[in-house]
Amino acid sequence: MNITRRTFTAALSLTAVAAALGVSPWRLIGEANAQTAAEIAQAGELGDMALGAKDAPVTIIEYASMTCPHCAAFTKDVFPQIKTAYIDTGKVRFIFREFPLDQVALAASALARCVAKDDAQKYFAIVDILFKQQNDLASDALGTINRVGKQAGFSEQMIKDCVQGDPKIQKGILDVREHAYKTLKVNSTPFFFVNGTPVRGETSFDAFEKMIKPLLKS
């Protein structure tokens, strides 16, 4: 069965999905609540996708949208340097959390979750592919998601079941977004927490090093 543009569009309506699942994807932040370590660490029902040692002295959490150009630039230009210097050496644990800014980002995030299941390495690989094809997502979301899904071994029916028919995946992603938006004051992407300290926007490798090195000495 092919995914038609009509069913795809209907499935990707954040408002409709959120209403059906009982969450509010676009709720504006009111009076900010105090952020605690426990609130920042809260992973959500789907669990965190993470790379690096669990006992690493530094934890970086990124909230990103698959349709955010600055997120794509960070993944392309900065993340590989952090991975080589700090994640692969056991100094940093890196957690990626979905923060979809639109329907296409929600669909792309859902696909990555479905393809990877609990395999973080596969998840980060799919995320990297989707970011590299961000322009294609913008011009032909349906075709791009189908193509990436098929390259990962999914049939069109499996892609449809993931994007349109798996409320657990969609609700899990939107719940994480809701918690970040409402409780952690995340209102833009990319948005990072470095050992609990919030960092907004695209950041250079040098800027991250200046944050990471003092934490390694403490």
N, C-alpha and C. Protein backbone atom coordinates (compact mmCIF):
# COMPACT_ATOMS: atom_id res chain seq x y z
N MET A 1 0.85 -1.20 0.00
CA MET A 1 0.00 0.00 0.00
C MET A 1 0.88 1.24 0.00
N ASN A 2 0.63 2.17 -0.90
CA ASN A 2 1.40 3.40 -0.95
C ASN A 2 0.90 4.41 0.08
N ILE A 3 1.81 5.23 0.55
CA ILE A 3 1.40 6.33 1.42
C ILE A 3 0.95 7.47 0.52
N THR A 4 -0.31 7.79 0.55
CA THR A 4 -0.79 8.89 -0.27
C THR A 4 -0.48 10.20 0.40
N ARG A 5 -0.44 11.26 -0.40
CA ARG A 5 -0.16 12.58 0.16
C ARG A 5 -1.26 13.00 1.14
N ARG A 6 -2.48 12.57 0.89
CA ARG A 6 -3.57 12.94 1.79
C ARG A 6 -3.41 12.28 3.15
N THR A 7 -3.13 10.96 3.15
CA THR A 7 -2.98 10.28 4.44
C THR A 7 -1.73 10.76 5.15
N PHE A 8 -0.68 11.07 4.38
CA PHE A 8 0.56 11.56 4.98
C PHE A 8 0.32 12.90 5.67
N THR A 9 -0.35 13.81 4.96
CA THR A 9 -0.62 15.13 5.53
C THR A 9 -1.50 15.03 6.76
N ALA A 10 -2.51 14.18 6.69
CA ALA A 10 -3.40 14.01 7.84
C ALA A 10 -2.64 13.44 9.04
N ALA A 11 -1.77 12.49 8.75
CA ALA A 11 -1.02 11.87 9.83
C ALA A 11 -0.06 12.84 10.48
N LEU A 12 0.42 13.83 9.73
CA LEU A 12 1.45 14.73 10.23
C LEU A 12 0.90 16.01 10.85
N SER A 13 -0.40 16.14 10.96
CA SER A 13 -0.95 17.33 11.58
C SER A 13 -0.65 17.30 13.06
N LEU A 14 0.29 18.15 13.50
CA LEU A 14 0.65 18.15 14.92
C LEU A 14 -0.55 18.47 15.80
N THR A 15 -1.38 19.38 15.34
CA THR A 15 -2.54 19.74 16.14
C THR A 15 -3.47 18.55 16.30
N ALA A 16 -3.72 17.83 15.20
CA ALA A 16 -4.62 16.68 15.26
C ALA A 16 -4.01 15.56 16.10
N VAL A 17 -2.73 15.30 15.88
CA VAL A 17 -2.06 14.25 16.64
C VAL A 17 -2.07 14.57 18.12
N ALA A 18 -1.71 15.81 18.44
CA ALA A 18 -1.64 16.21 19.84
C ALA A 18 -3.00 16.12 20.51
N ALA A 19 -4.05 16.54 19.81
CA ALA A 19 -5.39 16.47 20.38
C ALA A 19 -5.77 15.02 20.66
N ALA A 20 -5.45 14.14 19.71
CA ALA A 20 -5.80 12.74 19.87
C ALA A 20 -5.02 12.08 21.01
N LEU A 21 -3.78 12.54 21.21
CA LEU A 21 -2.92 11.93 22.22
C LEU A 21 -2.99 12.64 23.56
N GLY A 22 -3.67 13.75 23.62
CA GLY A 22 -3.85 14.44 24.88
C GLY A 22 -2.70 15.30 25.31
N VAL A 23 -1.92 15.82 24.35
CA VAL A 23 -0.82 16.73 24.70
C VAL A 23 -0.99 18.00 23.89
N SER A 24 -0.23 19.02 24.28
CA SER A 24 -0.33 20.31 23.61
C SER A 24 1.02 20.67 22.99
N PRO A 25 1.22 20.41 21.68
CA PRO A 25 2.55 20.60 21.11
C PRO A 25 3.00 22.03 21.01
N TRP A 26 2.06 22.99 20.96
CA TRP A 26 2.46 24.38 20.75
C TRP A 26 2.16 25.27 21.94
N ARG A 27 2.00 24.68 23.13
CA ARG A 27 1.69 25.51 24.29
C ARG A 27 2.84 26.48 24.56
N LEU A 28 2.53 27.74 24.74
CA LEU A 28 3.55 28.74 25.02
C LEU A 28 4.00 28.63 26.47
N ILE A 29 5.26 29.00 26.69
CA ILE A 29 5.78 28.94 28.05
C ILE A 29 5.19 30.08 28.86
N GLY A 30 4.68 29.74 30.03
CA GLY A 30 4.22 30.76 30.94
C GLY A 30 5.32 31.12 31.90
N GLU A 31 4.99 31.30 33.15
CA GLU A 31 5.99 31.60 34.16
C GLU A 31 6.93 30.42 34.29
N ALA A 32 8.23 30.67 34.15
CA ALA A 32 9.19 29.57 34.11
C ALA A 32 9.27 28.88 35.46
N ASN A 33 9.28 27.55 35.44
CA ASN A 33 9.48 26.77 36.64
C ASN A 33 10.97 26.58 36.87
N ALA A 34 11.34 26.39 38.11
CA ALA A 34 12.73 26.14 38.42
C ALA A 34 13.16 24.81 37.80
N GLN A 35 14.33 24.81 37.18
CA GLN A 35 14.84 23.60 36.57
C GLN A 35 15.70 22.85 37.58
N THR A 36 15.42 21.58 37.73
CA THR A 36 16.21 20.75 38.62
C THR A 36 16.95 19.71 37.79
N ALA A 37 17.96 19.12 38.40
CA ALA A 37 18.71 18.08 37.71
C ALA A 37 17.80 16.93 37.30
N ALA A 38 16.84 16.60 38.15
CA ALA A 38 15.92 15.50 37.84
C ALA A 38 15.04 15.85 36.65
N GLU A 39 14.59 17.10 36.57
CA GLU A 39 13.75 17.51 35.45
C GLU A 39 14.52 17.49 34.14
N ILE A 40 15.76 17.92 34.16
CA ILE A 40 16.58 17.91 32.96
C ILE A 40 16.90 16.49 32.54
N ALA A 41 17.10 15.61 33.51
CA ALA A 41 17.46 14.22 33.20
C ALA A 41 16.28 13.39 32.72
N GLN A 42 15.06 13.88 32.90
CA GLN A 42 13.87 13.10 32.55
C GLN A 42 13.88 12.74 31.06
N ALA A 43 13.84 11.45 30.79
CA ALA A 43 14.06 10.97 29.42
C ALA A 43 12.79 10.84 28.60
N GLY A 44 11.67 10.59 29.22
CA GLY A 44 10.45 10.34 28.47
C GLY A 44 10.22 8.86 28.26
N GLU A 45 9.02 8.52 27.83
CA GLU A 45 8.61 7.13 27.73
C GLU A 45 9.44 6.34 26.71
N LEU A 46 9.90 6.98 25.65
CA LEU A 46 10.66 6.27 24.62
C LEU A 46 12.11 6.02 25.03
N GLY A 47 12.55 6.69 26.07
CA GLY A 47 13.94 6.57 26.49
C GLY A 47 14.85 7.49 25.68
N ASP A 48 16.02 7.73 26.20
CA ASP A 48 16.98 8.61 25.53
C ASP A 48 17.79 7.84 24.51
N MET A 49 18.16 8.54 23.44
CA MET A 49 19.16 8.04 22.50
C MET A 49 20.47 8.73 22.84
N ALA A 50 21.47 7.96 23.22
CA ALA A 50 22.70 8.54 23.74
C ALA A 50 23.92 7.80 23.22
N LEU A 51 25.02 8.54 23.12
CA LEU A 51 26.33 7.99 22.79
C LEU A 51 27.30 8.38 23.90
N GLY A 52 28.24 7.50 24.19
CA GLY A 52 29.24 7.81 25.20
C GLY A 52 29.01 7.05 26.49
N ALA A 53 30.02 7.08 27.33
CA ALA A 53 29.98 6.34 28.58
C ALA A 53 28.91 6.88 29.52
N LYS A 54 28.20 5.97 30.17
CA LYS A 54 27.16 6.39 31.11
C LYS A 54 27.74 7.14 32.30
N ASP A 55 28.99 6.83 32.66
CA ASP A 55 29.62 7.50 33.80
C ASP A 55 30.55 8.64 33.38
N ALA A 56 30.37 9.13 32.16
CA ALA A 56 31.19 10.26 31.70
C ALA A 56 30.98 11.46 32.61
N PRO A 57 32.04 12.24 32.89
CA PRO A 57 31.90 13.38 33.80
C PRO A 57 31.06 14.53 33.24
N VAL A 58 30.88 14.57 31.92
CA VAL A 58 30.10 15.65 31.29
C VAL A 58 28.97 15.03 30.48
N THR A 59 27.78 15.57 30.64
CA THR A 59 26.63 15.15 29.84
C THR A 59 26.13 16.35 29.04
N ILE A 60 26.04 16.18 27.73
CA ILE A 60 25.45 17.19 26.85
C ILE A 60 24.14 16.66 26.32
N ILE A 61 23.08 17.42 26.51
CA ILE A 61 21.76 17.08 25.98
C ILE A 61 21.42 18.10 24.90
N GLU A 62 21.07 17.59 23.73
CA GLU A 62 20.66 18.48 22.64
C GLU A 62 19.18 18.27 22.34
N TYR A 63 18.44 19.36 22.25
CA TYR A 63 17.06 19.34 21.73
C TYR A 63 17.12 19.90 20.32
N ALA A 64 16.62 19.12 19.35
CA ALA A 64 16.77 19.52 17.96
C ALA A 64 15.54 19.14 17.15
N SER A 65 15.34 19.89 16.07
CA SER A 65 14.27 19.60 15.11
C SER A 65 14.91 19.20 13.80
N MET A 66 14.35 18.18 13.16
CA MET A 66 14.94 17.68 11.92
C MET A 66 14.83 18.67 10.78
N THR A 67 14.02 19.70 10.92
CA THR A 67 13.88 20.73 9.88
C THR A 67 14.58 22.03 10.25
N CYS A 68 15.39 22.01 11.29
CA CYS A 68 16.10 23.21 11.75
C CYS A 68 17.47 23.29 11.08
N PRO A 69 17.73 24.31 10.25
CA PRO A 69 19.03 24.42 9.57
C PRO A 69 20.21 24.54 10.52
N HIS A 70 20.04 25.23 11.63
CA HIS A 70 21.14 25.36 12.59
C HIS A 70 21.45 24.02 13.25
N CYS A 71 20.42 23.20 13.44
CA CYS A 71 20.64 21.86 14.00
C CYS A 71 21.43 21.02 13.01
N ALA A 72 21.07 21.12 11.73
CA ALA A 72 21.79 20.38 10.69
C ALA A 72 23.25 20.83 10.62
N ALA A 73 23.48 22.13 10.74
CA ALA A 73 24.85 22.65 10.69
C ALA A 73 25.66 22.14 11.88
N PHE A 74 25.05 22.11 13.06
CA PHE A 74 25.75 21.59 14.24
C PHE A 74 26.11 20.12 14.03
N THR A 75 25.15 19.34 13.53
CA THR A 75 25.39 17.91 13.32
C THR A 75 26.50 17.69 12.30
N LYS A 76 26.56 18.52 11.29
CA LYS A 76 27.56 18.36 10.23
C LYS A 76 28.94 18.86 10.64
N ASP A 77 29.00 20.02 11.29
CA ASP A 77 30.27 20.69 11.49
C ASP A 77 30.87 20.55 12.89
N VAL A 78 30.02 20.45 13.90
CA VAL A 78 30.51 20.50 15.28
C VAL A 78 30.45 19.14 15.97
N PHE A 79 29.35 18.43 15.81
CA PHE A 79 29.18 17.16 16.51
C PHE A 79 30.30 16.17 16.22
N PRO A 80 30.76 16.00 14.97
CA PRO A 80 31.84 15.03 14.73
C PRO A 80 33.10 15.34 15.53
N GLN A 81 33.39 16.63 15.73
CA GLN A 81 34.58 17.00 16.52
C GLN A 81 34.37 16.67 17.99
N ILE A 82 33.17 16.93 18.50
CA ILE A 82 32.87 16.57 19.89
C ILE A 82 32.95 15.06 20.08
N LYS A 83 32.43 14.33 19.11
CA LYS A 83 32.44 12.86 19.20
C LYS A 83 33.86 12.33 19.25
N THR A 84 34.72 12.81 18.36
CA THR A 84 36.10 12.32 18.32
C THR A 84 36.88 12.69 19.58
N ALA A 85 36.74 13.94 20.01
CA ALA A 85 37.56 14.44 21.12
C ALA A 85 37.03 14.03 22.49
N TYR A 86 35.72 13.91 22.63
CA TYR A 86 35.17 13.75 23.97
C TYR A 86 34.23 12.55 24.16
N ILE A 87 33.38 12.25 23.17
CA ILE A 87 32.45 11.13 23.34
C ILE A 87 33.19 9.81 23.23
N ASP A 88 33.98 9.66 22.18
CA ASP A 88 34.70 8.40 21.95
C ASP A 88 35.78 8.15 23.00
N THR A 89 36.19 9.17 23.70
CA THR A 89 37.23 9.03 24.73
C THR A 89 36.65 8.88 26.13
N GLY A 90 35.33 8.79 26.23
CA GLY A 90 34.70 8.53 27.52
C GLY A 90 34.51 9.75 28.40
N LYS A 91 34.74 10.94 27.86
CA LYS A 91 34.64 12.15 28.67
C LYS A 91 33.27 12.80 28.63
N VAL A 92 32.51 12.55 27.55
CA VAL A 92 31.20 13.16 27.38
C VAL A 92 30.17 12.10 26.99
N ARG A 93 29.02 12.19 27.61
CA ARG A 93 27.85 11.43 27.19
C ARG A 93 26.93 12.40 26.47
N PHE A 94 26.56 12.07 25.24
CA PHE A 94 25.77 12.96 24.41
C PHE A 94 24.38 12.37 24.21
N ILE A 95 23.36 13.15 24.56
CA ILE A 95 21.97 12.72 24.45
C ILE A 95 21.25 13.60 23.44
N PHE A 96 20.56 12.97 22.50
CA PHE A 96 19.80 13.70 21.49
C PHE A 96 18.32 13.52 21.77
N ARG A 97 17.60 14.64 21.91
CA ARG A 97 16.15 14.59 22.16
C ARG A 97 15.42 15.35 21.07
N GLU A 98 14.33 14.75 20.61
CA GLU A 98 13.55 15.35 19.53
C GLU A 98 12.72 16.53 20.03
N PHE A 99 12.75 17.60 19.26
CA PHE A 99 11.95 18.79 19.55
C PHE A 99 11.38 19.29 18.22
N PRO A 100 10.42 18.55 17.63
CA PRO A 100 9.93 18.89 16.30
C PRO A 100 9.25 20.25 16.26
N LEU A 101 9.67 21.06 15.29
CA LEU A 101 9.09 22.39 15.12
C LEU A 101 7.94 22.40 14.12
N ASP A 102 7.74 21.29 13.43
CA ASP A 102 6.67 21.21 12.44
C ASP A 102 6.33 19.75 12.18
N GLN A 103 5.34 19.55 11.30
CA GLN A 103 4.86 18.21 11.02
C GLN A 103 5.92 17.33 10.36
N VAL A 104 6.70 17.90 9.47
CA VAL A 104 7.72 17.12 8.78
C VAL A 104 8.78 16.64 9.77
N ALA A 105 9.18 17.50 10.69
CA ALA A 105 10.17 17.11 11.70
C ALA A 105 9.64 15.98 12.58
N LEU A 106 8.36 16.04 12.90
CA LEU A 106 7.75 14.97 13.69
C LEU A 106 7.82 13.65 12.94
N ALA A 107 7.49 13.67 11.65
CA ALA A 107 7.51 12.46 10.84
C ALA A 107 8.92 11.90 10.73
N ALA A 108 9.89 12.78 10.48
CA ALA A 108 11.28 12.34 10.35
C ALA A 108 11.79 11.74 11.66
N SER A 109 11.44 12.38 12.77
CA SER A 109 11.86 11.86 14.08
C SER A 109 11.22 10.50 14.35
N ALA A 110 9.95 10.36 14.00
CA ALA A 110 9.26 9.09 14.18
C ALA A 110 9.93 8.00 13.36
N LEU A 111 10.29 8.31 12.12
CA LEU A 111 10.96 7.33 11.28
C LEU A 111 12.28 6.88 11.91
N ALA A 112 13.07 7.82 12.40
CA ALA A 112 14.35 7.47 13.02
C ALA A 112 14.14 6.55 14.21
N ARG A 113 13.13 6.84 15.01
CA ARG A 113 12.83 6.00 16.16
C ARG A 113 12.41 4.59 15.74
N CYS A 114 11.55 4.51 14.73
CA CYS A 114 11.06 3.21 14.27
C CYS A 114 12.19 2.37 13.69
N VAL A 115 13.03 2.99 12.87
CA VAL A 115 14.12 2.26 12.23
C VAL A 115 15.13 1.78 13.26
N ALA A 116 15.48 2.64 14.20
CA ALA A 116 16.55 2.32 15.15
C ALA A 116 16.09 1.43 16.28
N LYS A 117 14.85 1.54 16.68
CA LYS A 117 14.34 0.87 17.87
C LYS A 117 15.21 1.27 19.06
N ASP A 118 15.96 0.36 19.65
CA ASP A 118 16.79 0.70 20.82
C ASP A 118 18.27 0.82 20.47
N ASP A 119 18.59 0.85 19.19
CA ASP A 119 19.98 0.90 18.74
C ASP A 119 20.41 2.35 18.54
N ALA A 120 21.15 2.89 19.51
CA ALA A 120 21.53 4.30 19.46
C ALA A 120 22.44 4.60 18.27
N GLN A 121 23.35 3.69 17.95
CA GLN A 121 24.25 3.92 16.82
C GLN A 121 23.46 4.05 15.53
N LYS A 122 22.47 3.19 15.35
CA LYS A 122 21.64 3.25 14.14
C LYS A 122 20.80 4.52 14.14
N TYR A 123 20.31 4.90 15.31
CA TYR A 123 19.50 6.11 15.42
C TYR A 123 20.29 7.34 14.99
N PHE A 124 21.50 7.49 15.53
CA PHE A 124 22.31 8.65 15.17
C PHE A 124 22.68 8.63 13.69
N ALA A 125 22.86 7.44 13.12
CA ALA A 125 23.16 7.34 11.70
C ALA A 125 21.98 7.82 10.86
N ILE A 126 20.76 7.44 11.24
CA ILE A 126 19.57 7.88 10.50
C ILE A 126 19.36 9.38 10.65
N VAL A 127 19.57 9.89 11.86
CA VAL A 127 19.45 11.33 12.09
C VAL A 127 20.44 12.09 11.21
N ASP A 128 21.66 11.58 11.11
CA ASP A 128 22.68 12.22 10.28
C ASP A 128 22.24 12.24 8.81
N ILE A 129 21.70 11.12 8.34
CA ILE A 129 21.22 11.05 6.95
C ILE A 129 20.09 12.04 6.71
N LEU A 130 19.15 12.12 7.65
CA LEU A 130 18.01 13.03 7.49
C LEU A 130 18.46 14.49 7.50
N PHE A 131 19.42 14.82 8.36
CA PHE A 131 19.92 16.20 8.37
C PHE A 131 20.63 16.53 7.05
N LYS A 132 21.37 15.57 6.52
CA LYS A 132 22.07 15.82 5.25
C LYS A 132 21.08 16.01 4.10
N GLN A 133 19.88 15.46 4.23
CA GLN A 133 18.87 15.57 3.19
C GLN A 133 17.76 16.56 3.58
N GLN A 134 18.14 17.52 4.42
CA GLN A 134 17.16 18.47 4.93
C GLN A 134 16.51 19.29 3.82
N ASN A 135 17.28 19.67 2.81
CA ASN A 135 16.70 20.42 1.69
C ASN A 135 15.65 19.58 0.96
N ASP A 136 15.92 18.28 0.83
CA ASP A 136 14.94 17.39 0.20
C ASP A 136 13.70 17.26 1.07
N LEU A 137 13.89 17.23 2.37
CA LEU A 137 12.73 17.18 3.28
C LEU A 137 11.85 18.40 3.08
N ALA A 138 12.48 19.55 2.87
CA ALA A 138 11.72 20.78 2.70
C ALA A 138 10.95 20.80 1.39
N SER A 139 11.55 20.25 0.34
CA SER A 139 10.91 20.30 -0.98
C SER A 139 10.00 19.11 -1.26
N ASP A 140 10.31 17.97 -0.66
CA ASP A 140 9.51 16.75 -0.91
C ASP A 140 9.60 15.86 0.32
N ALA A 141 8.87 16.22 1.35
CA ALA A 141 8.95 15.48 2.62
C ALA A 141 8.54 14.02 2.45
N LEU A 142 7.45 13.79 1.76
CA LEU A 142 6.95 12.43 1.58
C LEU A 142 7.96 11.56 0.85
N GLY A 143 8.47 12.07 -0.27
CA GLY A 143 9.43 11.29 -1.05
C GLY A 143 10.71 11.02 -0.29
N THR A 144 11.18 12.02 0.46
CA THR A 144 12.44 11.86 1.20
C THR A 144 12.30 10.86 2.33
N ILE A 145 11.20 10.95 3.07
CA ILE A 145 10.99 10.02 4.17
C ILE A 145 10.82 8.59 3.65
N ASN A 146 10.11 8.46 2.54
CA ASN A 146 9.99 7.13 1.91
C ASN A 146 11.36 6.60 1.48
N ARG A 147 12.16 7.45 0.85
CA ARG A 147 13.47 7.02 0.35
C ARG A 147 14.40 6.61 1.48
N VAL A 148 14.47 7.43 2.53
CA VAL A 148 15.35 7.11 3.65
C VAL A 148 14.88 5.84 4.35
N GLY A 149 13.57 5.72 4.52
CA GLY A 149 13.03 4.52 5.15
C GLY A 149 13.36 3.26 4.37
N LYS A 150 13.24 3.34 3.05
CA LYS A 150 13.54 2.17 2.21
C LYS A 150 15.03 1.85 2.25
N GLN A 151 15.87 2.88 2.29
CA GLN A 151 17.32 2.64 2.38
C GLN A 151 17.67 1.94 3.69
N ALA A 152 16.84 2.16 4.71
CA ALA A 152 17.07 1.52 6.01
C ALA A 152 16.44 0.13 6.09
N GLY A 153 15.81 -0.30 4.99
CA GLY A 153 15.23 -1.64 4.96
C GLY A 153 13.75 -1.71 5.22
N PHE A 154 13.07 -0.56 5.32
CA PHE A 154 11.63 -0.54 5.57
C PHE A 154 10.86 -0.60 4.24
N SER A 155 9.74 -1.27 4.26
CA SER A 155 8.82 -1.22 3.14
C SER A 155 7.94 0.03 3.27
N GLU A 156 7.22 0.37 2.20
CA GLU A 156 6.32 1.53 2.27
C GLU A 156 5.25 1.32 3.35
N GLN A 157 4.79 0.08 3.49
CA GLN A 157 3.78 -0.18 4.52
C GLN A 157 4.36 0.03 5.92
N MET A 158 5.59 -0.40 6.14
CA MET A 158 6.24 -0.20 7.44
C MET A 158 6.42 1.29 7.72
N ILE A 159 6.79 2.05 6.69
CA ILE A 159 6.95 3.50 6.86
C ILE A 159 5.61 4.13 7.22
N LYS A 160 4.57 3.72 6.50
CA LYS A 160 3.24 4.26 6.79
C LYS A 160 2.80 3.91 8.21
N ASP A 161 3.04 2.65 8.60
CA ASP A 161 2.65 2.23 9.95
C ASP A 161 3.37 3.05 11.01
N CYS A 162 4.62 3.40 10.73
CA CYS A 162 5.41 4.18 11.68
C CYS A 162 4.92 5.62 11.74
N VAL A 163 4.86 6.26 10.58
CA VAL A 163 4.55 7.70 10.52
C VAL A 163 3.10 7.98 10.84
N GLN A 164 2.21 7.11 10.38
CA GLN A 164 0.78 7.38 10.53
C GLN A 164 0.13 6.56 11.63
N GLY A 165 0.62 5.34 11.86
CA GLY A 165 -0.16 4.42 12.67
C GLY A 165 0.41 4.05 14.02
N ASP A 166 1.49 4.70 14.45
CA ASP A 166 2.09 4.33 15.73
C ASP A 166 1.96 5.48 16.73
N PRO A 167 0.83 5.56 17.42
CA PRO A 167 0.62 6.69 18.35
C PRO A 167 1.61 6.72 19.51
N LYS A 168 2.16 5.56 19.87
CA LYS A 168 3.12 5.54 20.97
C LYS A 168 4.36 6.35 20.62
N ILE A 169 4.85 6.18 19.39
CA ILE A 169 6.04 6.92 18.96
C ILE A 169 5.74 8.41 18.91
N GLN A 170 4.63 8.79 18.28
CA GLN A 170 4.29 10.20 18.17
C GLN A 170 4.07 10.82 19.54
N LYS A 171 3.33 10.13 20.40
CA LYS A 171 3.07 10.66 21.74
C LYS A 171 4.36 10.79 22.54
N GLY A 172 5.25 9.80 22.40
CA GLY A 172 6.51 9.86 23.12
C GLY A 172 7.33 11.07 22.72
N ILE A 173 7.38 11.34 21.42
CA ILE A 173 8.14 12.50 20.93
C ILE A 173 7.50 13.80 21.41
N LEU A 174 6.18 13.90 21.29
CA LEU A 174 5.49 15.13 21.69
C LEU A 174 5.54 15.35 23.20
N ASP A 175 5.52 14.26 23.97
CA ASP A 175 5.63 14.40 25.42
C ASP A 175 6.98 14.98 25.83
N VAL A 176 8.04 14.53 25.17
CA VAL A 176 9.38 15.06 25.45
C VAL A 176 9.43 16.54 25.09
N ARG A 177 8.84 16.87 23.94
CA ARG A 177 8.80 18.27 23.52
C ARG A 177 8.02 19.12 24.51
N GLU A 178 6.89 18.60 24.97
CA GLU A 178 6.05 19.33 25.93
C GLU A 178 6.80 19.59 27.23
N HIS A 179 7.47 18.56 27.72
CA HIS A 179 8.22 18.70 28.97
C HIS A 179 9.34 19.73 28.82
N ALA A 180 10.04 19.65 27.69
CA ALA A 180 11.14 20.59 27.46
C ALA A 180 10.63 22.01 27.34
N TYR A 181 9.53 22.18 26.63
CA TYR A 181 8.96 23.51 26.39
C TYR A 181 8.39 24.10 27.68
N LYS A 182 7.64 23.30 28.38
CA LYS A 182 6.92 23.81 29.55
C LYS A 182 7.81 23.93 30.78
N THR A 183 8.64 22.94 31.01
CA THR A 183 9.39 22.87 32.27
C THR A 183 10.82 23.38 32.14
N LEU A 184 11.46 23.08 31.02
CA LEU A 184 12.87 23.42 30.87
C LEU A 184 13.12 24.71 30.11
N LYS A 185 12.03 25.37 29.63
CA LYS A 185 12.13 26.64 28.91
C LYS A 185 12.86 26.51 27.57
N VAL A 186 12.80 25.34 26.98
CA VAL A 186 13.37 25.15 25.65
C VAL A 186 12.38 25.73 24.64
N ASN A 187 12.77 26.77 23.94
CA ASN A 187 11.85 27.43 23.00
C ASN A 187 12.50 27.73 21.66
N SER A 188 13.63 27.08 21.39
CA SER A 188 14.31 27.25 20.11
C SER A 188 15.20 26.03 19.90
N THR A 189 15.67 25.86 18.68
CA THR A 189 16.59 24.75 18.40
C THR A 189 17.76 25.24 17.58
N PRO A 190 18.95 24.65 17.76
CA PRO A 190 19.23 23.65 18.79
C PRO A 190 19.32 24.31 20.17
N PHE A 191 19.04 23.53 21.17
CA PHE A 191 19.10 23.99 22.55
C PHE A 191 19.83 22.88 23.32
N PHE A 192 20.84 23.28 24.11
CA PHE A 192 21.67 22.29 24.80
C PHE A 192 21.63 22.50 26.31
N PHE A 193 21.87 21.42 27.02
CA PHE A 193 22.21 21.48 28.43
C PHE A 193 23.57 20.81 28.60
N VAL A 194 24.52 21.54 29.16
CA VAL A 194 25.85 21.00 29.42
C VAL A 194 26.00 20.87 30.93
N ASN A 195 25.91 19.64 31.42
CA ASN A 195 25.85 19.39 32.87
C ASN A 195 24.82 20.30 33.54
N GLY A 196 23.68 20.44 32.89
CA GLY A 196 22.56 21.20 33.45
C GLY A 196 22.53 22.66 33.09
N THR A 197 23.60 23.20 32.53
CA THR A 197 23.63 24.61 32.14
C THR A 197 23.04 24.79 30.75
N PRO A 198 22.00 25.62 30.60
CA PRO A 198 21.38 25.79 29.28
C PRO A 198 22.25 26.59 28.32
N VAL A 199 22.28 26.15 27.07
CA VAL A 199 23.03 26.83 26.01
C VAL A 199 22.11 26.91 24.80
N ARG A 200 21.82 28.13 24.35
CA ARG A 200 20.90 28.31 23.23
C ARG A 200 21.67 28.46 21.92
N GLY A 201 21.11 27.88 20.87
CA GLY A 201 21.57 28.16 19.53
C GLY A 201 22.78 27.36 19.09
N GLU A 202 23.09 27.51 17.81
CA GLU A 202 24.24 26.81 17.23
C GLU A 202 25.51 27.32 17.89
N THR A 203 26.37 26.40 18.29
CA THR A 203 27.57 26.74 19.04
C THR A 203 28.78 26.07 18.40
N SER A 204 29.89 26.76 18.36
CA SER A 204 31.10 26.23 17.74
C SER A 204 31.75 25.17 18.62
N PHE A 205 32.65 24.40 18.02
CA PHE A 205 33.40 23.41 18.79
C PHE A 205 34.25 24.10 19.86
N ASP A 206 34.87 25.22 19.51
CA ASP A 206 35.69 25.94 20.49
C ASP A 206 34.87 26.39 21.69
N ALA A 207 33.64 26.82 21.43
CA ALA A 207 32.77 27.25 22.53
C ALA A 207 32.43 26.08 23.44
N PHE A 208 32.16 24.92 22.84
CA PHE A 208 31.89 23.73 23.65
C PHE A 208 33.12 23.32 24.46
N GLU A 209 34.28 23.40 23.85
CA GLU A 209 35.51 23.05 24.57
C GLU A 209 35.69 23.93 25.81
N LYS A 210 35.38 25.20 25.67
CA LYS A 210 35.52 26.11 26.81
C LYS A 210 34.57 25.74 27.94
N MET A 211 33.45 25.12 27.61
CA MET A 211 32.51 24.66 28.63
C MET A 211 32.91 23.30 29.20
N ILE A 212 33.42 22.44 28.34
CA ILE A 212 33.70 21.08 28.74
C ILE A 212 34.96 20.96 29.60
N LYS A 213 36.04 21.62 29.20
CA LYS A 213 37.33 21.43 29.86
C LYS A 213 37.30 21.74 31.36
N PRO A 214 36.68 22.86 31.79
CA PRO A 214 36.63 23.10 33.24
C PRO A 214 35.84 22.03 34.00
N LEU A 215 34.84 21.44 33.35
CA LEU A 215 34.05 20.41 34.00
C LEU A 215 34.84 19.12 34.16
N LEU A 216 35.79 18.89 33.27
CA LEU A 216 36.64 17.70 33.38
C LEU A 216 37.64 17.83 34.53
N LYS A 217 37.98 19.06 34.87
CA LYS A 217 38.94 19.30 35.95
C LYS A 217 38.30 19.35 37.32
N SER A 218 36.97 19.56 37.33
CA SER A 218 36.31 19.73 38.64
C SER A 218 36.07 18.40 39.33
